[in-house]
């Protein structure tokens, strides 16, 4: 059902530095920049884009929204978290680690990107 995710940014250079670092930490590549200046990240079967809002209004984050990225191990989640924090992201919620619920055990790491979007690296244990 999922095809892609796009977030807005008020500073694409800042966003590119942040997302390039995060995606490289999990085996991805730097953004492709299309003719409209949008950042395009392709990894596995996923497509993630960053753009200035088309309506010309400032980009804002969505309250209650979390964008999750699947990673291959807890170590990869930690690398993603460290790279993102070093590239202008903000560590949020509990430190990276195991979270358990009645259905499954997960390793999660949370960041906000430089524009305030809530992100999560997720490893299913």
N, C-alpha and C. Protein backbone atom coordinates (compact mmCIF):
# COMPACT_ATOMS: atom_id res chain seq x y z
N UNK A 1 0.81 -1.18 0.00
CA UNK A 1 0.00 0.00 0.00
C UNK A 1 0.86 1.26 0.00
N UNK A 2 1.99 1.25 0.67
CA UNK A 2 2.85 2.43 0.75
C UNK A 2 3.58 2.64 -0.57
N UNK A 3 3.61 3.87 -1.05
CA UNK A 3 4.38 4.16 -2.27
C UNK A 3 5.53 5.13 -1.99
N UNK A 4 5.26 6.17 -1.19
CA UNK A 4 6.32 7.14 -0.90
C UNK A 4 5.91 8.03 0.28
N UNK A 5 6.86 8.79 0.76
CA UNK A 5 6.62 9.77 1.81
C UNK A 5 7.34 11.04 1.38
N UNK A 6 6.68 12.18 1.58
CA UNK A 6 7.29 13.47 1.28
C UNK A 6 7.09 14.39 2.48
N UNK A 7 8.15 15.10 2.86
CA UNK A 7 8.04 16.10 3.92
C UNK A 7 8.49 17.44 3.36
N UNK A 8 8.02 18.49 4.01
CA UNK A 8 8.41 19.83 3.61
C UNK A 8 9.62 20.31 4.38
N UNK A 9 10.34 21.25 3.77
CA UNK A 9 11.50 21.85 4.42
C UNK A 9 11.58 23.32 4.06
N UNK A 10 12.07 24.10 5.02
CA UNK A 10 12.32 25.52 4.78
C UNK A 10 13.77 25.78 4.37
N UNK A 11 14.60 24.76 4.42
CA UNK A 11 16.02 24.89 4.09
C UNK A 11 16.50 23.57 3.51
N UNK A 12 16.46 23.44 2.20
CA UNK A 12 16.80 22.17 1.55
C UNK A 12 18.27 21.81 1.71
N UNK A 13 19.16 22.78 1.79
CA UNK A 13 20.57 22.45 2.01
C UNK A 13 20.76 21.81 3.38
N UNK A 14 20.12 22.37 4.39
CA UNK A 14 20.19 21.82 5.74
C UNK A 14 19.56 20.42 5.78
N UNK A 15 18.42 20.28 5.12
CA UNK A 15 17.76 18.97 5.07
C UNK A 15 18.60 17.95 4.34
N UNK A 16 19.25 18.35 3.26
CA UNK A 16 20.09 17.41 2.51
C UNK A 16 21.24 16.91 3.38
N UNK A 17 21.88 17.80 4.13
CA UNK A 17 22.97 17.38 5.02
C UNK A 17 22.45 16.38 6.05
N UNK A 18 21.29 16.66 6.62
CA UNK A 18 20.70 15.78 7.64
C UNK A 18 20.32 14.42 7.05
N UNK A 19 19.52 14.41 5.99
CA UNK A 19 19.04 13.14 5.44
C UNK A 19 20.14 12.35 4.74
N UNK A 20 21.08 13.02 4.08
CA UNK A 20 22.22 12.29 3.50
C UNK A 20 22.94 11.51 4.61
N UNK A 21 23.19 12.16 5.74
CA UNK A 21 23.89 11.49 6.85
C UNK A 21 23.07 10.32 7.39
N UNK A 22 21.78 10.54 7.60
CA UNK A 22 20.92 9.47 8.14
C UNK A 22 20.85 8.28 7.20
N UNK A 23 20.62 8.53 5.92
CA UNK A 23 20.45 7.42 4.98
C UNK A 23 21.77 6.71 4.70
N UNK A 24 22.87 7.44 4.66
CA UNK A 24 24.17 6.77 4.49
C UNK A 24 24.44 5.83 5.65
N UNK A 25 24.02 6.19 6.87
CA UNK A 25 24.24 5.36 8.05
C UNK A 25 23.51 4.03 7.98
N UNK A 26 22.48 3.93 7.14
CA UNK A 26 21.75 2.66 7.00
C UNK A 26 21.92 2.05 5.60
N UNK A 27 22.99 2.45 4.91
CA UNK A 27 23.31 1.84 3.63
C UNK A 27 22.70 2.51 2.41
N UNK A 28 22.09 3.66 2.60
CA UNK A 28 21.49 4.38 1.47
C UNK A 28 22.50 5.30 0.79
N UNK A 29 22.00 6.08 -0.14
CA UNK A 29 22.84 7.00 -0.90
C UNK A 29 22.38 8.43 -0.68
N UNK A 30 23.22 9.37 -1.12
CA UNK A 30 22.85 10.78 -1.07
C UNK A 30 21.63 11.03 -1.94
N UNK A 31 20.99 12.15 -1.70
CA UNK A 31 19.79 12.52 -2.47
C UNK A 31 20.11 12.77 -3.93
N UNK A 32 19.14 12.44 -4.74
CA UNK A 32 19.09 12.90 -6.12
C UNK A 32 18.30 14.21 -6.04
N UNK A 33 18.78 15.26 -6.68
CA UNK A 33 18.06 16.53 -6.68
C UNK A 33 17.41 16.67 -8.05
N UNK A 34 16.07 16.75 -8.07
CA UNK A 34 15.37 16.85 -9.35
C UNK A 34 15.36 18.29 -9.85
N UNK A 35 14.88 18.53 -11.08
CA UNK A 35 14.89 19.90 -11.64
C UNK A 35 14.10 20.93 -10.81
N UNK A 36 13.16 20.48 -9.97
CA UNK A 36 12.41 21.40 -9.12
C UNK A 36 13.10 21.62 -7.77
N UNK A 37 14.29 21.02 -7.58
CA UNK A 37 15.03 21.19 -6.34
C UNK A 37 14.65 20.22 -5.24
N UNK A 38 13.72 19.30 -5.51
CA UNK A 38 13.32 18.33 -4.49
C UNK A 38 14.42 17.31 -4.27
N UNK A 39 14.54 16.85 -3.03
CA UNK A 39 15.50 15.80 -2.68
C UNK A 39 14.78 14.47 -2.78
N UNK A 40 15.39 13.52 -3.47
CA UNK A 40 14.78 12.21 -3.66
C UNK A 40 15.75 11.15 -3.15
N UNK A 41 15.25 10.34 -2.22
CA UNK A 41 16.03 9.24 -1.66
C UNK A 41 15.34 7.94 -2.03
N UNK A 42 16.11 7.01 -2.60
CA UNK A 42 15.59 5.69 -2.95
C UNK A 42 16.44 4.66 -2.23
N UNK A 43 15.77 3.77 -1.49
CA UNK A 43 16.48 2.72 -0.77
C UNK A 43 15.54 1.53 -0.67
N UNK A 44 16.05 0.39 -1.10
CA UNK A 44 15.23 -0.83 -1.16
C UNK A 44 13.98 -0.52 -1.97
N UNK A 45 12.81 -0.72 -1.41
CA UNK A 45 11.59 -0.44 -2.15
C UNK A 45 10.96 0.88 -1.76
N UNK A 46 11.66 1.68 -0.96
CA UNK A 46 11.08 2.92 -0.47
C UNK A 46 11.54 4.15 -1.23
N UNK A 47 10.68 5.15 -1.21
CA UNK A 47 10.96 6.44 -1.84
C UNK A 47 10.61 7.52 -0.82
N UNK A 48 11.58 8.37 -0.51
CA UNK A 48 11.38 9.44 0.46
C UNK A 48 11.82 10.74 -0.19
N UNK A 49 10.97 11.77 -0.13
CA UNK A 49 11.26 13.04 -0.78
C UNK A 49 11.17 14.19 0.21
N UNK A 50 11.95 15.24 -0.05
CA UNK A 50 11.92 16.45 0.74
C UNK A 50 11.77 17.61 -0.24
N UNK A 51 10.85 18.52 0.05
CA UNK A 51 10.56 19.61 -0.87
C UNK A 51 10.19 20.88 -0.13
N UNK A 52 10.33 22.00 -0.79
CA UNK A 52 9.71 23.23 -0.29
C UNK A 52 8.21 23.08 -0.57
N UNK A 53 7.35 23.55 0.32
CA UNK A 53 5.91 23.42 0.06
C UNK A 53 5.51 24.10 -1.26
N UNK A 54 4.72 23.41 -2.02
CA UNK A 54 4.29 23.90 -3.33
C UNK A 54 3.44 25.16 -3.21
N UNK A 55 2.71 25.30 -2.09
CA UNK A 55 1.83 26.46 -1.93
C UNK A 55 2.57 27.73 -1.52
N UNK A 56 3.90 27.64 -1.34
CA UNK A 56 4.68 28.81 -0.98
C UNK A 56 4.65 29.16 0.50
N UNK A 57 3.86 28.46 1.28
CA UNK A 57 3.78 28.70 2.72
C UNK A 57 4.96 28.00 3.41
N UNK A 58 5.29 28.39 4.64
CA UNK A 58 6.38 27.72 5.36
C UNK A 58 6.06 26.24 5.62
N UNK A 59 7.10 25.44 5.60
CA UNK A 59 6.95 24.02 5.95
C UNK A 59 6.76 23.91 7.46
N UNK A 60 5.85 23.05 7.87
CA UNK A 60 5.64 22.75 9.28
C UNK A 60 5.53 21.24 9.43
N UNK A 61 5.83 20.75 10.62
CA UNK A 61 5.71 19.31 10.84
C UNK A 61 4.27 18.97 11.25
N UNK A 62 3.92 17.73 11.03
CA UNK A 62 2.57 17.27 11.36
C UNK A 62 2.56 16.72 12.78
N UNK A 63 1.74 17.29 13.63
CA UNK A 63 1.63 16.83 15.00
C UNK A 63 0.93 15.47 15.02
N UNK A 64 1.56 14.48 15.65
CA UNK A 64 0.99 13.14 15.72
C UNK A 64 1.50 12.20 14.65
N UNK A 65 2.31 12.69 13.74
CA UNK A 65 2.84 11.87 12.64
C UNK A 65 4.26 11.42 12.99
N UNK A 66 4.55 10.15 12.71
CA UNK A 66 5.91 9.62 12.82
C UNK A 66 6.22 8.90 11.53
N UNK A 67 7.38 9.17 10.96
CA UNK A 67 7.83 8.49 9.75
C UNK A 67 8.86 7.46 10.18
N UNK A 68 8.60 6.19 9.87
CA UNK A 68 9.48 5.11 10.29
C UNK A 68 10.31 4.55 9.16
N UNK A 69 11.58 4.25 9.47
CA UNK A 69 12.50 3.65 8.52
C UNK A 69 12.95 2.30 9.06
N UNK A 70 12.80 1.25 8.28
CA UNK A 70 13.25 -0.08 8.69
C UNK A 70 14.76 -0.16 8.59
N UNK A 71 15.39 -0.70 9.63
CA UNK A 71 16.83 -0.92 9.63
C UNK A 71 17.11 -2.40 9.87
N UNK A 72 18.36 -2.81 9.64
CA UNK A 72 18.73 -4.22 9.69
C UNK A 72 19.18 -4.73 11.05
N UNK A 73 19.42 -3.83 12.01
CA UNK A 73 19.93 -4.26 13.30
C UNK A 73 19.82 -3.11 14.30
N UNK A 74 19.92 -3.41 15.59
CA UNK A 74 20.00 -2.34 16.58
C UNK A 74 21.21 -1.43 16.35
N UNK A 75 22.33 -2.02 15.93
CA UNK A 75 23.53 -1.23 15.67
C UNK A 75 23.29 -0.24 14.53
N UNK A 76 22.54 -0.65 13.52
CA UNK A 76 22.25 0.26 12.41
C UNK A 76 21.31 1.38 12.88
N UNK A 77 20.37 1.06 13.75
CA UNK A 77 19.49 2.10 14.32
C UNK A 77 20.32 3.11 15.11
N UNK A 78 21.28 2.61 15.88
CA UNK A 78 22.15 3.51 16.65
C UNK A 78 22.99 4.39 15.72
N UNK A 79 23.50 3.81 14.64
CA UNK A 79 24.31 4.58 13.68
C UNK A 79 23.45 5.66 13.02
N UNK A 80 22.23 5.31 12.66
CA UNK A 80 21.28 6.25 12.05
C UNK A 80 21.02 7.41 13.02
N UNK A 81 20.76 7.07 14.27
CA UNK A 81 20.45 8.07 15.30
C UNK A 81 21.64 9.00 15.52
N UNK A 82 22.83 8.42 15.64
CA UNK A 82 24.03 9.23 15.86
C UNK A 82 24.33 10.14 14.67
N UNK A 83 24.19 9.61 13.46
CA UNK A 83 24.45 10.41 12.25
C UNK A 83 23.46 11.55 12.14
N UNK A 84 22.19 11.27 12.41
CA UNK A 84 21.17 12.31 12.33
C UNK A 84 21.37 13.40 13.38
N UNK A 85 21.69 12.99 14.60
CA UNK A 85 21.92 13.97 15.67
C UNK A 85 23.13 14.85 15.35
N UNK A 86 24.17 14.25 14.78
CA UNK A 86 25.37 15.00 14.42
C UNK A 86 25.14 15.93 13.24
N UNK A 87 24.11 15.64 12.43
CA UNK A 87 23.84 16.44 11.23
C UNK A 87 22.68 17.41 11.42
N UNK A 88 22.38 17.77 12.65
CA UNK A 88 21.37 18.80 12.89
C UNK A 88 20.03 18.31 13.39
N UNK A 89 19.88 17.00 13.58
CA UNK A 89 18.64 16.47 14.14
C UNK A 89 18.64 16.59 15.65
N UNK A 90 17.49 16.31 16.25
CA UNK A 90 17.33 16.38 17.69
C UNK A 90 16.86 15.04 18.22
N UNK A 91 17.59 14.47 19.17
CA UNK A 91 17.17 13.23 19.80
C UNK A 91 15.92 13.51 20.63
N UNK A 92 14.92 12.64 20.51
CA UNK A 92 13.67 12.82 21.25
C UNK A 92 13.25 11.51 21.88
N UNK A 93 12.27 11.58 22.76
CA UNK A 93 11.71 10.45 23.49
C UNK A 93 12.79 9.74 24.28
N UNK A 94 12.63 8.47 24.54
CA UNK A 94 13.64 7.71 25.28
C UNK A 94 14.85 7.49 24.38
N UNK A 95 16.02 7.22 24.98
CA UNK A 95 17.20 6.90 24.16
C UNK A 95 16.91 5.67 23.30
N UNK A 96 17.66 5.48 22.22
CA UNK A 96 17.46 4.28 21.40
C UNK A 96 17.51 3.02 22.27
N UNK A 97 16.61 2.10 21.99
CA UNK A 97 16.60 0.87 22.77
C UNK A 97 15.39 0.00 22.49
N UNK A 98 15.30 -1.07 23.25
CA UNK A 98 14.24 -2.07 23.08
C UNK A 98 12.95 -1.56 23.71
N UNK A 99 11.86 -1.73 22.98
CA UNK A 99 10.51 -1.44 23.48
C UNK A 99 9.70 -2.73 23.26
N UNK A 100 8.98 -3.14 24.27
CA UNK A 100 8.17 -4.35 24.16
C UNK A 100 6.71 -4.01 24.33
N UNK A 101 5.89 -4.72 23.57
CA UNK A 101 4.45 -4.66 23.75
C UNK A 101 3.93 -6.10 23.65
N UNK A 102 2.67 -6.33 23.91
CA UNK A 102 2.18 -7.71 23.89
C UNK A 102 2.37 -8.45 22.56
N UNK A 103 2.50 -7.72 21.47
CA UNK A 103 2.60 -8.37 20.16
C UNK A 103 4.03 -8.58 19.69
N UNK A 104 4.96 -7.70 20.08
CA UNK A 104 6.31 -7.82 19.55
C UNK A 104 7.33 -7.04 20.37
N UNK A 105 8.57 -7.31 20.05
CA UNK A 105 9.70 -6.62 20.67
C UNK A 105 10.40 -5.84 19.55
N UNK A 106 10.60 -4.54 19.78
CA UNK A 106 11.18 -3.66 18.77
C UNK A 106 12.39 -2.93 19.33
N UNK A 107 13.32 -2.59 18.46
CA UNK A 107 14.40 -1.68 18.81
C UNK A 107 14.09 -0.38 18.07
N UNK A 108 13.94 0.72 18.81
CA UNK A 108 13.53 1.99 18.22
C UNK A 108 14.51 3.10 18.57
N UNK A 109 14.67 4.03 17.63
CA UNK A 109 15.48 5.24 17.84
C UNK A 109 14.72 6.40 17.20
N UNK A 110 14.51 7.47 17.95
CA UNK A 110 13.71 8.60 17.49
C UNK A 110 14.54 9.88 17.35
N UNK A 111 14.24 10.62 16.29
CA UNK A 111 14.83 11.95 16.03
C UNK A 111 13.77 12.88 15.49
N UNK A 112 14.01 14.16 15.63
CA UNK A 112 13.29 15.16 14.83
C UNK A 112 14.29 15.69 13.83
N UNK A 113 13.84 15.85 12.58
CA UNK A 113 14.73 16.43 11.57
C UNK A 113 14.82 17.94 11.82
N UNK A 114 15.66 18.66 11.07
CA UNK A 114 15.83 20.09 11.34
C UNK A 114 14.55 20.92 11.17
N UNK A 115 13.53 20.38 10.47
CA UNK A 115 12.27 21.10 10.32
C UNK A 115 11.21 20.62 11.31
N UNK A 116 11.57 19.69 12.21
CA UNK A 116 10.64 19.25 13.25
C UNK A 116 9.88 17.97 12.95
N UNK A 117 10.11 17.35 11.79
CA UNK A 117 9.41 16.10 11.47
C UNK A 117 9.93 14.98 12.38
N UNK A 118 9.02 14.18 12.91
CA UNK A 118 9.38 13.09 13.82
C UNK A 118 9.70 11.83 13.01
N UNK A 119 10.90 11.29 13.26
CA UNK A 119 11.40 10.13 12.52
C UNK A 119 11.73 9.01 13.50
N UNK A 120 11.68 7.77 13.00
CA UNK A 120 12.00 6.62 13.83
C UNK A 120 12.74 5.58 13.00
N UNK A 121 13.85 5.08 13.53
CA UNK A 121 14.50 3.90 12.96
C UNK A 121 13.95 2.71 13.73
N UNK A 122 13.49 1.68 13.02
CA UNK A 122 12.80 0.55 13.64
C UNK A 122 13.44 -0.77 13.20
N UNK A 123 13.77 -1.59 14.19
CA UNK A 123 14.24 -2.95 13.93
C UNK A 123 13.31 -3.90 14.66
N UNK A 124 12.69 -4.81 13.92
CA UNK A 124 11.82 -5.82 14.51
C UNK A 124 12.69 -6.97 15.02
N UNK A 125 12.61 -7.25 16.31
CA UNK A 125 13.46 -8.28 16.91
C UNK A 125 12.79 -9.65 16.86
